[in-house]
C-alpha atoms as a PDB file:
ATOM      1  CA  MET A   1     -24.091 -24.725   1.271  1.00  0.00           C
ATOM      2  CA  VAL A   2     -27.386 -23.346   2.587  1.00  0.00           C
ATOM      3  CA  GLY A   3     -29.444 -26.337   1.499  1.00  0.00           C
ATOM      4  CA  SER A   4     -27.167 -28.804   3.283  1.00  0.00           C
ATOM      5  CA  ALA A   5     -27.261 -26.660   6.433  1.00  0.00           C
ATOM      6  CA  ILE A   6     -31.076 -26.646   6.381  1.00  0.00           C
ATOM      7  CA  VAL A   7     -31.042 -30.437   5.998  1.00  0.00           C
ATOM      8  CA  ARG A   8     -28.720 -30.705   9.026  1.00  0.00           C
ATOM      9  CA  ALA A   9     -31.011 -28.492  11.077  1.00  0.00           C
ATOM     10  CA  LEU A  10     -34.143 -30.430  10.095  1.00  0.00           C
ATOM     11  CA  THR A  11     -32.491 -33.794  10.723  1.00  0.00           C
ATOM     12  CA  ALA A  12     -31.299 -32.657  14.153  1.00  0.00           C
ATOM     13  CA  ARG A  13     -34.932 -31.957  15.043  1.00  0.00           C
ATOM     14  CA  GLY A  14     -36.074 -35.400  13.990  1.00  0.00           C
ATOM     15  CA  TYR A  15     -37.583 -34.599  10.598  1.00  0.00           C
ATOM     16  CA  ASP A  16     -37.090 -37.624   8.362  1.00  0.00           C
ATOM     17  CA  ASN A  17     -39.586 -37.077   5.544  1.00  0.00           C
ATOM     18  CA  LEU A  18     -37.249 -34.875   3.519  1.00  0.00           C
ATOM     19  CA  ILE A  19     -37.488 -34.655  -0.266  1.00  0.00           C
ATOM     20  CA  LEU A  20     -34.057 -33.865  -1.632  1.00  0.00           C
ATOM     21  CA  ARG A  21     -32.612 -33.517  -5.128  1.00  0.00           C
ATOM     22  CA  THR A  22     -29.155 -32.482  -6.234  1.00  0.00           C
ATOM     23  CA  SER A  23     -28.683 -30.152  -9.198  1.00  0.00           C
ATOM     24  CA  LYS A  24     -27.531 -33.160 -11.224  1.00  0.00           C
ATOM     25  CA  GLU A  25     -30.743 -35.024 -10.381  1.00  0.00           C
ATOM     26  CA  LEU A  26     -33.101 -32.114 -11.078  1.00  0.00           C
ATOM     27  CA  ASP A  27     -32.360 -29.094 -13.257  1.00  0.00           C
ATOM     28  CA  LEU A  28     -34.572 -26.407 -11.713  1.00  0.00           C
ATOM     29  CA  ARG A  29     -34.125 -24.248 -14.816  1.00  0.00           C
ATOM     30  CA  ASP A  30     -36.287 -26.710 -16.789  1.00  0.00           C
ATOM     31  CA  ASN A  31     -39.954 -26.046 -16.075  1.00  0.00           C
ATOM     32  CA  ARG A  32     -41.077 -29.433 -17.390  1.00  0.00           C
ATOM     33  CA  LEU A  33     -38.771 -31.264 -15.022  1.00  0.00           C
ATOM     34  CA  VAL A  34     -39.793 -29.065 -12.101  1.00  0.00           C
ATOM     35  CA  ALA A  35     -43.488 -29.603 -12.842  1.00  0.00           C
ATOM     36  CA  ALA A  36     -42.958 -33.377 -12.984  1.00  0.00           C
ATOM     37  CA  PHE A  37     -41.041 -33.287  -9.699  1.00  0.00           C
ATOM     38  CA  PHE A  38     -43.795 -31.413  -7.855  1.00  0.00           C
ATOM     39  CA  SER A  39     -46.462 -33.686  -9.335  1.00  0.00           C
ATOM     40  CA  GLU A  40     -44.611 -36.807  -8.173  1.00  0.00           C
ATOM     41  CA  ALA A  41     -43.091 -35.684  -4.851  1.00  0.00           C
ATOM     42  CA  LYS A  42     -45.978 -33.462  -3.629  1.00  0.00           C
ATOM     43  CA  PRO A  43     -43.976 -31.481  -1.054  1.00  0.00           C
ATOM     44  CA  ASP A  44     -45.877 -29.607   1.664  1.00  0.00           C
ATOM     45  CA  TYR A  45     -43.092 -27.146   2.534  1.00  0.00           C
ATOM     46  CA  VAL A  46     -40.361 -25.768   0.276  1.00  0.00           C
ATOM     47  CA  PHE A  47     -37.067 -24.106   1.211  1.00  0.00           C
ATOM     48  CA  LEU A  48     -35.906 -22.436  -2.000  1.00  0.00           C
ATOM     49  CA  ALA A  49     -32.163 -22.158  -1.396  1.00  0.00           C
ATOM     50  CA  ALA A  50     -31.015 -23.137  -4.892  1.00  0.00           C
ATOM     51  CA  ALA A  51     -29.261 -20.372  -6.825  1.00  0.00           C
ATOM     52  CA  LYS A  52     -26.297 -19.541  -9.018  1.00  0.00           C
ATOM     53  CA  VAL A  53     -24.012 -17.559  -6.728  1.00  0.00           C
ATOM     54  CA  GLY A  54     -20.490 -16.163  -6.732  1.00  0.00           C
ATOM     55  CA  GLY A  55     -18.261 -13.231  -5.887  1.00  0.00           C
ATOM     56  CA  ILE A  56     -17.439 -10.066  -7.804  1.00  0.00           C
ATOM     57  CA  LEU A  57     -15.329 -11.861 -10.429  1.00  0.00           C
ATOM     58  CA  ALA A  58     -18.014 -14.452 -11.207  1.00  0.00           C
ATOM     59  CA  ASN A  59     -20.797 -11.846 -11.346  1.00  0.00           C
ATOM     60  CA  SER A  60     -18.763  -9.672 -13.692  1.00  0.00           C
ATOM     61  CA  THR A  61     -17.737 -12.580 -15.930  1.00  0.00           C
ATOM     62  CA  PHE A  62     -21.110 -14.367 -16.248  1.00  0.00           C
ATOM     63  CA  PRO A  63     -23.855 -11.699 -16.011  1.00  0.00           C
ATOM     64  CA  ALA A  64     -26.211 -13.495 -18.426  1.00  0.00           C
ATOM     65  CA  GLU A  65     -25.933 -16.777 -16.530  1.00  0.00           C
ATOM     66  CA  PHE A  66     -26.495 -15.065 -13.192  1.00  0.00           C
ATOM     67  CA  ILE A  67     -29.707 -13.380 -14.277  1.00  0.00           C
ATOM     68  CA  TYR A  68     -31.072 -16.200 -16.463  1.00  0.00           C
ATOM     69  CA  ASP A  69     -30.346 -19.139 -14.169  1.00  0.00           C
ATOM     70  CA  ASN A  70     -31.694 -17.447 -11.048  1.00  0.00           C
ATOM     71  CA  LEU A  71     -34.799 -16.109 -12.757  1.00  0.00           C
ATOM     72  CA  ALA A  72     -35.524 -19.541 -14.232  1.00  0.00           C
ATOM     73  CA  ILE A  73     -35.003 -21.404 -10.940  1.00  0.00           C
ATOM     74  CA  GLN A  74     -37.237 -19.054  -8.970  1.00  0.00           C
ATOM     75  CA  THR A  75     -39.948 -18.780 -11.603  1.00  0.00           C
ATOM     76  CA  ASN A  76     -40.271 -22.530 -12.025  1.00  0.00           C
ATOM     77  CA  VAL A  77     -40.213 -23.467  -8.353  1.00  0.00           C
ATOM     78  CA  ILE A  78     -42.501 -20.691  -7.124  1.00  0.00           C
ATOM     79  CA  HIS A  79     -45.075 -21.256  -9.847  1.00  0.00           C
ATOM     80  CA  GLN A  80     -45.130 -25.038  -9.434  1.00  0.00           C
ATOM     81  CA  ALA A  81     -45.401 -24.617  -5.666  1.00  0.00           C
ATOM     82  CA  TYR A  82     -48.573 -22.626  -6.317  1.00  0.00           C
ATOM     83  CA  VAL A  83     -49.915 -25.068  -8.922  1.00  0.00           C
ATOM     84  CA  HIS A  84     -49.417 -28.077  -6.636  1.00  0.00           C
ATOM     85  CA  GLY A  85     -50.756 -26.502  -3.473  1.00  0.00           C
ATOM     86  CA  VAL A  86     -47.594 -26.220  -1.374  1.00  0.00           C
ATOM     87  CA  LYS A  87     -48.544 -25.106   2.141  1.00  0.00           C
ATOM     88  CA  LYS A  88     -45.587 -22.770   2.584  1.00  0.00           C
ATOM     89  CA  LEU A  89     -42.512 -21.676   0.655  1.00  0.00           C
ATOM     90  CA  LEU A  90     -39.464 -19.783   1.907  1.00  0.00           C
ATOM     91  CA  LEU A  91     -37.356 -17.964  -0.699  1.00  0.00           C
ATOM     92  CA  LEU A  92     -33.790 -17.124   0.261  1.00  0.00           C
ATOM     93  CA  GLY A  93     -32.640 -13.842  -1.207  1.00  0.00           C
ATOM     94  CA  SER A  94     -29.522 -11.792  -0.530  1.00  0.00           C
ATOM     95  CA  SER A  95     -28.367  -8.553   1.054  1.00  0.00           C
ATOM     96  CA  CYS A  96     -27.225  -7.392  -2.405  1.00  0.00           C
ATOM     97  CA  ILE A  97     -30.851  -6.534  -3.246  1.00  0.00           C
ATOM     98  CA  TYR A  98     -30.412  -3.222  -1.441  1.00  0.00           C
ATOM     99  CA  PRO A  99     -29.182  -0.018  -3.150  1.00  0.00           C
ATOM    100  CA  ARG A 100     -25.435   0.601  -3.325  1.00  0.00           C
ATOM    101  CA  GLU A 101     -25.763   3.830  -1.340  1.00  0.00           C
ATOM    102  CA  SER A 102     -28.366   2.466   1.051  1.00  0.00           C
ATOM    103  CA  PRO A 103     -28.444   3.995   4.543  1.00  0.00           C
ATOM    104  CA  GLN A 104     -26.797   1.753   7.141  1.00  0.00           C
ATOM    105  CA  PRO A 105     -27.867  -0.503   8.703  1.00  0.00           C
ATOM    106  CA  MET A 106     -30.107  -1.581   5.814  1.00  0.00           C
ATOM    107  CA  LYS A 107     -33.793  -1.925   6.656  1.00  0.00           C
ATOM    108  CA  GLU A 108     -36.247  -4.019   4.664  1.00  0.00           C
ATOM    109  CA  GLU A 109     -38.085  -0.926   3.452  1.00  0.00           C
ATOM    110  CA  TYR A 110     -34.958   0.320   1.638  1.00  0.00           C
ATOM    111  CA  LEU A 111     -35.594  -2.160  -1.180  1.00  0.00           C
ATOM    112  CA  LEU A 112     -35.962  -0.425  -4.580  1.00  0.00           C
ATOM    113  CA  THR A 113     -35.081   3.021  -3.222  1.00  0.00           C
ATOM    114  CA  GLY A 114     -31.923   3.531  -5.307  1.00  0.00           C
ATOM    115  CA  PRO A 115     -29.481   2.097  -7.892  1.00  0.00           C
ATOM    116  CA  LEU A 116     -27.905  -1.286  -7.238  1.00  0.00           C
ATOM    117  CA  GLU A 117     -24.199  -2.107  -6.848  1.00  0.00           C
ATOM    118  CA  PRO A 118     -22.993  -2.633 -10.470  1.00  0.00           C
ATOM    119  CA  THR A 119     -20.727  -5.565  -9.624  1.00  0.00           C
ATOM    120  CA  ASN A 120     -23.643  -7.797  -8.617  1.00  0.00           C
ATOM    121  CA  GLU A 121     -26.704  -6.177 -10.153  1.00  0.00           C
ATOM    122  CA  TRP A 122     -27.562  -9.196 -12.337  1.00  0.00           C
ATOM    123  CA  TYR A 123     -27.916 -11.469  -9.322  1.00  0.00           C
ATOM    124  CA  ALA A 124     -29.662  -8.724  -7.358  1.00  0.00           C
ATOM    125  CA  VAL A 125     -32.253  -8.077 -10.073  1.00  0.00           C
ATOM    126  CA  ALA A 126     -33.066 -11.797 -10.229  1.00  0.00           C
ATOM    127  CA  LYS A 127     -33.485 -12.003  -6.455  1.00  0.00           C
ATOM    128  CA  ILE A 128     -35.692  -8.916  -6.410  1.00  0.00           C
ATOM    129  CA  ALA A 129     -37.866 -10.555  -9.074  1.00  0.00           C
ATOM    130  CA  GLY A 130     -38.147 -13.638  -6.838  1.00  0.00           C
ATOM    131  CA  ILE A 131     -39.263 -11.485  -3.916  1.00  0.00           C
ATOM    132  CA  LYS A 132     -41.884  -9.750  -6.028  1.00  0.00           C
ATOM    133  CA  MET A 133     -43.083 -13.073  -7.382  1.00  0.00           C
ATOM    134  CA  CYS A 134     -43.664 -14.391  -3.864  1.00  0.00           C
ATOM    135  CA  GLN A 135     -45.541 -11.209  -2.987  1.00  0.00           C
ATOM    136  CA  ALA A 136     -47.615 -11.367  -6.164  1.00  0.00           C
ATOM    137  CA  TYR A 137     -48.641 -15.000  -5.606  1.00  0.00           C
ATOM    138  CA  ARG A 138     -49.526 -14.175  -2.003  1.00  0.00           C
ATOM    139  CA  GLN A 139     -51.633 -11.205  -3.127  1.00  0.00           C
ATOM    140  CA  GLN A 140     -53.436 -12.897  -6.033  1.00  0.00           C
ATOM    141  CA  TYR A 141     -53.674 -16.519  -4.918  1.00  0.00           C
ATOM    142  CA  GLY A 142     -53.300 -16.336  -1.133  1.00  0.00           C
ATOM    143  CA  CYS A 143     -50.101 -18.434  -1.169  1.00  0.00           C
ATOM    144  CA  ASP A 144     -48.112 -18.460   2.065  1.00  0.00           C
ATOM    145  CA  PHE A 145     -44.841 -17.605   0.347  1.00  0.00           C
ATOM    146  CA  ILE A 146     -42.252 -15.679   2.384  1.00  0.00           C
ATOM    147  CA  ALA A 147     -38.783 -14.291   1.625  1.00  0.00           C
ATOM    148  CA  ALA A 148     -35.707 -14.028   3.856  1.00  0.00           C
ATOM    149  CA  MET A 149     -32.673 -11.905   3.037  1.00  0.00           C
ATOM    150  CA  PRO A 150     -29.512 -13.371   4.609  1.00  0.00           C
ATOM    151  CA  THR A 151     -26.295 -11.416   4.822  1.00  0.00           C
ATOM    152  CA  ASN A 152     -22.968 -12.836   3.559  1.00  0.00           C
ATOM    153  CA  LEU A 153     -22.873 -16.535   4.443  1.00  0.00           C
ATOM    154  CA  TYR A 154     -20.004 -18.948   5.026  1.00  0.00           C
ATOM    155  CA  GLY A 155     -19.376 -22.386   6.509  1.00  0.00           C
ATOM    156  CA  PRO A 156     -19.314 -26.087   5.570  1.00  0.00           C
ATOM    157  CA  ASN A 157     -19.888 -26.868   1.876  1.00  0.00           C
ATOM    158  CA  ASP A 158     -18.906 -23.356   0.826  1.00  0.00           C
ATOM    159  CA  ASN A 159     -17.395 -22.822  -2.625  1.00  0.00           C
ATOM    160  CA  PHE A 160     -13.604 -22.423  -2.400  1.00  0.00           C
ATOM    161  CA  ASP A 161     -12.931 -22.046  -6.143  1.00  0.00           C
ATOM    162  CA  LEU A 162     -11.020 -18.763  -6.440  1.00  0.00           C
ATOM    163  CA  GLN A 163     -12.738 -17.958  -9.749  1.00  0.00           C
ATOM    164  CA  THR A 164     -16.260 -18.084  -8.299  1.00  0.00           C
ATOM    165  CA  ALA A 165     -15.981 -17.965  -4.490  1.00  0.00           C
ATOM    166  CA  HIS A 166     -17.358 -15.287  -2.199  1.00  0.00           C
ATOM    167  CA  VAL A 167     -14.922 -13.166  -0.206  1.00  0.00           C
ATOM    168  CA  LEU A 168     -14.595 -15.197   3.000  1.00  0.00           C
ATOM    169  CA  ALA A 169     -14.090 -18.585   1.349  1.00  0.00           C
ATOM    170  CA  ALA A 170     -11.638 -16.989  -1.088  1.00  0.00           C
ATOM    171  CA  LEU A 171      -9.656 -15.509   1.811  1.00  0.00           C
ATOM    172  CA  LEU A 172      -9.446 -18.871   3.580  1.00  0.00           C
ATOM    173  CA  ARG A 173      -8.201 -20.485   0.380  1.00  0.00           C
ATOM    174  CA  ARG A 174      -5.681 -17.738  -0.436  1.00  0.00           C
ATOM    175  CA  PHE A 175      -4.140 -17.642   3.030  1.00  0.00           C
ATOM    176  CA  HIS A 176      -3.997 -21.434   3.238  1.00  0.00           C
ATOM    177  CA  ASP A 177      -2.239 -21.610  -0.139  1.00  0.00           C
ATOM    178  CA  ALA A 178       0.125 -18.770   0.817  1.00  0.00           C
ATOM    179  CA  ARG A 179       1.097 -20.510   4.049  1.00  0.00           C
ATOM    180  CA  GLU A 180       1.671 -23.828   2.315  1.00  0.00           C
ATOM    181  CA  GLN A 181       3.620 -22.313  -0.610  1.00  0.00           C
ATOM    182  CA  GLY A 182       5.526 -19.676   1.341  1.00  0.00           C
ATOM    183  CA  SER A 183       4.066 -16.975  -0.910  1.00  0.00           C
ATOM    184  CA  GLU A 184       2.443 -13.588  -0.331  1.00  0.00           C
ATOM    185  CA  PRO A 185      -1.292 -13.270  -1.127  1.00  0.00           C
ATOM    186  CA  THR A 186      -2.652 -10.421  -3.229  1.00  0.00           C
ATOM    187  CA  LEU A 187      -6.193  -9.397  -2.320  1.00  0.00           C
ATOM    188  CA  TRP A 188      -8.661  -7.356  -4.362  1.00  0.00           C
ATOM    189  CA  GLY A 189      -9.489  -3.741  -3.566  1.00  0.00           C
ATOM    190  CA  SER A 190      -8.455  -1.493  -0.700  1.00  0.00           C
ATOM    191  CA  GLY A 191      -9.602  -3.555   2.273  1.00  0.00           C
ATOM    192  CA  THR A 192     -11.762  -0.680   3.522  1.00  0.00           C
ATOM    193  CA  PRO A 193     -15.305  -1.894   2.619  1.00  0.00           C
ATOM    194  CA  LYS A 194     -17.233  -3.299   5.556  1.00  0.00           C
ATOM    195  CA  ARG A 195     -19.193  -6.536   5.493  1.00  0.00           C
ATOM    196  CA  GLU A 196     -21.310  -8.633   7.808  1.00  0.00           C
ATOM    197  CA  PHE A 197     -20.980 -12.420   7.981  1.00  0.00           C
ATOM    198  CA  LEU A 198     -23.344 -15.110   9.218  1.00  0.00           C
ATOM    199  CA  HIS A 199     -22.465 -18.767   9.696  1.00  0.00           C
ATOM    200  CA  VAL A 200     -24.626 -20.938   7.454  1.00  0.00           C
ATOM    201  CA  ASP A 201     -25.838 -23.038  10.412  1.00  0.00           C
ATOM    202  CA  ASP A 202     -27.210 -19.878  12.031  1.00  0.00           C
ATOM    203  CA  CYS A 203     -28.914 -19.046   8.732  1.00  0.00           C
ATOM    204  CA  ALA A 204     -30.482 -22.519   8.646  1.00  0.00           C
ATOM    205  CA  GLU A 205     -31.831 -22.042  12.171  1.00  0.00           C
ATOM    206  CA  ALA A 206     -33.334 -18.728  11.071  1.00  0.00           C
ATOM    207  CA  CYS A 207     -35.005 -20.408   8.092  1.00  0.00           C
ATOM    208  CA  LEU A 208     -36.669 -23.020  10.296  1.00  0.00           C
ATOM    209  CA  PHE A 209     -37.674 -20.291  12.727  1.00  0.00           C
ATOM    210  CA  LEU A 210     -39.333 -18.255   9.964  1.00  0.00           C
ATOM    211  CA  MET A 211     -41.026 -21.269   8.404  1.00  0.00           C
ATOM    212  CA  LYS A 212     -42.733 -21.943  11.726  1.00  0.00           C
ATOM    213  CA  ARG A 213     -43.407 -18.438  13.004  1.00  0.00           C
ATOM    214  CA  TYR A 214     -43.589 -15.944  10.145  1.00  0.00           C
ATOM    215  CA  SER A 215     -46.225 -15.296   7.510  1.00  0.00           C
ATOM    216  CA  ASP A 216     -46.172 -11.907   5.812  1.00  0.00           C
ATOM    217  CA  ALA A 217     -45.525 -10.305   2.436  1.00  0.00           C
ATOM    218  CA  ARG A 218     -42.702  -8.197   3.854  1.00  0.00           C
ATOM    219  CA  ILE A 219     -39.197  -9.534   3.401  1.00  0.00           C
ATOM    220  CA  MET A 220     -37.181 -10.372   6.518  1.00  0.00           C
ATOM    221  CA  ASN A 221     -33.498  -9.546   7.052  1.00  0.00           C
ATOM    222  CA  VAL A 222     -31.344 -12.291   8.566  1.00  0.00           C
ATOM    223  CA  GLY A 223     -27.921 -11.213   9.786  1.00  0.00           C
ATOM    224  CA  ALA A 224     -25.387 -11.123  12.580  1.00  0.00           C
ATOM    225  CA  GLY A 225     -25.773  -7.434  13.414  1.00  0.00           C
ATOM    226  CA  GLN A 226     -22.016  -6.752  13.364  1.00  0.00           C
ATOM    227  CA  GLU A 227     -19.706  -5.599  10.585  1.00  0.00           C
ATOM    228  CA  ILE A 228     -15.993  -5.872   9.942  1.00  0.00           C
ATOM    229  CA  SER A 229     -13.764  -4.271   7.305  1.00  0.00           C
ATOM    230  CA  ILE A 230     -12.291  -6.570   4.672  1.00  0.00           C
ATOM    231  CA  GLY A 231      -8.830  -5.612   5.922  1.00  0.00           C
ATOM    232  CA  GLU A 232      -9.701  -6.632   9.486  1.00  0.00           C
ATOM    233  CA  LEU A 233     -11.323  -9.805   8.190  1.00  0.00           C
ATOM    234  CA  ALA A 234      -8.194 -10.667   6.222  1.00  0.00           C
ATOM    235  CA  ALA A 235      -6.085 -10.290   9.370  1.00  0.00           C
ATOM    236  CA  LEU A 236      -8.480 -12.517  11.325  1.00  0.00           C
ATOM    237  CA  VAL A 237      -8.508 -15.184   8.596  1.00  0.00           C
ATOM    238  CA  ALA A 238      -4.701 -15.088   8.439  1.00  0.00           C
ATOM    239  CA  GLU A 239      -4.598 -15.677  12.199  1.00  0.00           C
ATOM    240  CA  VAL A 240      -7.027 -18.611  12.017  1.00  0.00           C
ATOM    241  CA  VAL A 241      -5.151 -20.195   9.103  1.00  0.00           C
ATOM    242  CA  GLY A 242      -1.734 -19.579  10.655  1.00  0.00           C
ATOM    243  CA  TYR A 243      -0.355 -17.291   7.931  1.00  0.00           C
ATOM    244  CA  ARG A 244       2.154 -14.771   9.346  1.00  0.00           C
ATOM    245  CA  GLY A 245       3.445 -13.003   6.247  1.00  0.00           C
ATOM    246  CA  ASP A 246       2.569  -9.718   4.563  1.00  0.00           C
ATOM    247  CA  ILE A 247      -0.598  -8.963   2.569  1.00  0.00           C
ATOM    248  CA  ARG A 248      -0.752  -7.062  -0.715  1.00  0.00           C
ATOM    249  CA  TRP A 249      -3.822  -5.107  -1.850  1.00  0.00           C
ATOM    250  CA  ASP A 250      -4.556  -4.619  -5.540  1.00  0.00           C
ATOM    251  CA  ARG A 251      -6.360  -1.278  -5.560  1.00  0.00           C
ATOM    252  CA  THR A 252      -7.022  -1.513  -9.302  1.00  0.00           C
ATOM    253  CA  LYS A 253      -9.678  -4.125  -8.493  1.00  0.00           C
ATOM    254  CA  PRO A 254     -13.225  -3.151  -7.418  1.00  0.00           C
ATOM    255  CA  ASP A 255     -14.268  -2.945  -3.781  1.00  0.00           C
ATOM    256  CA  GLY A 256     -17.995  -3.508  -4.323  1.00  0.00           C
ATOM    257  CA  MET A 257     -20.462  -1.814  -1.980  1.00  0.00           C
ATOM    258  CA  PRO A 258     -18.798   0.407   0.657  1.00  0.00           C
ATOM    259  CA  ARG A 259     -20.902  -1.114   3.468  1.00  0.00           C
ATOM    260  CA  LYS A 260     -23.508  -3.849   3.823  1.00  0.00           C
ATOM    261  CA  LEU A 261     -24.848  -4.071   7.357  1.00  0.00           C
ATOM    262  CA  MET A 262     -28.319  -5.515   7.857  1.00  0.00           C
ATOM    263  CA  ASP A 263     -30.887  -4.129  10.268  1.00  0.00           C
ATOM    264  CA  CYS A 264     -32.216  -7.340  11.843  1.00  0.00           C
ATOM    265  CA  SER A 265     -34.315  -5.745  14.561  1.00  0.00           C
ATOM    266  CA  ARG A 266     -37.528  -7.355  13.285  1.00  0.00           C
ATOM    267  CA  MET A 267     -35.995 -10.825  13.626  1.00  0.00           C
ATOM    268  CA  GLN A 268     -34.813  -9.967  17.123  1.00  0.00           C
ATOM    269  CA  VAL A 269     -38.295  -8.839  18.102  1.00  0.00           C
ATOM    270  CA  LEU A 270     -39.642 -12.208  16.915  1.00  0.00           C
ATOM    271  CA  GLY A 271     -37.128 -13.919  19.204  1.00  0.00           C
ATOM    272  CA  TRP A 272     -34.264 -15.061  16.953  1.00  0.00           C
ATOM    273  CA  SER A 273     -30.590 -14.134  17.055  1.00  0.00           C
ATOM    274  CA  PRO A 274     -27.410 -15.882  15.815  1.00  0.00           C
ATOM    275  CA  ARG A 275     -25.235 -17.959  18.160  1.00  0.00           C
ATOM    276  CA  ILE A 276     -21.951 -18.550  16.318  1.00  0.00           C
ATOM    277  CA  SER A 277     -19.251 -15.863  16.627  1.00  0.00           C
ATOM    278  CA  LEU A 278     -17.178 -14.947  13.577  1.00  0.00           C
ATOM    279  CA  ARG A 279     -13.945 -16.311  15.073  1.00  0.00           C
ATOM    280  CA  GLN A 280     -15.616 -19.588  16.047  1.00  0.00           C
ATOM    281  CA  GLY A 281     -17.290 -19.823  12.653  1.00  0.00           C
ATOM    282  CA  LEU A 282     -14.016 -19.209  10.803  1.00  0.00           C
ATOM    283  CA  ARG A 283     -12.350 -22.044  12.702  1.00  0.00           C
ATOM    284  CA  ASP A 284     -15.256 -24.305  11.786  1.00  0.00           C
ATOM    285  CA  ALA A 285     -15.143 -23.285   8.111  1.00  0.00           C
ATOM    286  CA  TYR A 286     -11.380 -23.717   7.900  1.00  0.00           C
ATOM    287  CA  GLY A 287     -11.589 -27.103   9.589  1.00  0.00           C
ATOM    288  CA  TRP A 288     -14.150 -28.198   7.014  1.00  0.00           C
ATOM    289  CA  TYR A 289     -11.957 -26.888   4.196  1.00  0.00           C
ATOM    290  CA  GLN A 290      -8.941 -28.813   5.482  1.00  0.00           C
ATOM    291  CA  GLY A 291     -10.906 -32.014   5.849  1.00  0.00           C
ATOM    292  CA  HIS A 292     -12.976 -31.913   2.665  1.00  0.00           C
ATOM    293  CA  ILE A 293     -10.995 -29.892   0.120  1.00  0.00           C
ATOM    294  CA  VAL A 294      -7.330 -30.144   1.121  1.00  0.00           C
ATOM    295  CA  GLY A 295      -7.870 -33.672   2.398  1.00  0.00           C
ATOM    296  CA  ARG A 296      -8.950 -34.920  -1.012  1.00  0.00           C
ATOM    297  CA  GLY A 297      -6.291 -33.021  -2.901  1.00  0.00           C
ATOM    298  CA  ASP A 298      -8.462 -30.419  -4.712  1.00  0.00           C
END
């Protein structure tokens, strides 16, 4: 999702010398393949958006895969970027790197100040290792490697598989299915946790902005600056999808972190802020889902 959005943003600006590989074409977990790729392609700039991602269910079901795959991807790409003299690398992290009981809104300096949220700690630990690797290579070798921490993302090319999807894509899918089937959706948790959402095209714009204008060891938060409860989000998604029935909440299921609001004041000072509202972004994401997932019968 993020990689394709970055490609769209670069293409819109006239960049045509893009070096792209799908996961089927290049397994970033294999260091030999990654080394051969860097030796052959010789990229100058790297956006490291590749990762194994998923919601609470996926993180809880596949903890070993989440920590191994993400550690392997980051380790191989970051090291080979150093070996082959990449001019600049941007690592995309996640807001889940911050402690479960982190003060709100979450500032960059809150990293490693408390225990992580148990439902996604495997992914979080891997992303924290990626951050520290970028900082270490900057400190020891002078590499211009930076790290951005986006909040919860959504938009075109999102994952709508209910077994592995993040909350917003899962809600779009559940309400669409409920409307089509005349059923009543059951959602996890209490609906009280609050989350922040950023359209993936806004995230891509932030990545290009940082690649051009930022060079520092400190991580950079990238968010929308507004939060919404999961219950309120569910009502908004139902409205966008056109579902008018009742909603059930399964309180035996975990809520995850109580709140996750990013402090993005440093990005604002640099001159960047998102443009796509949540309602507008939801319509865009649902339109993509209808055209690309429903339209092909998945």
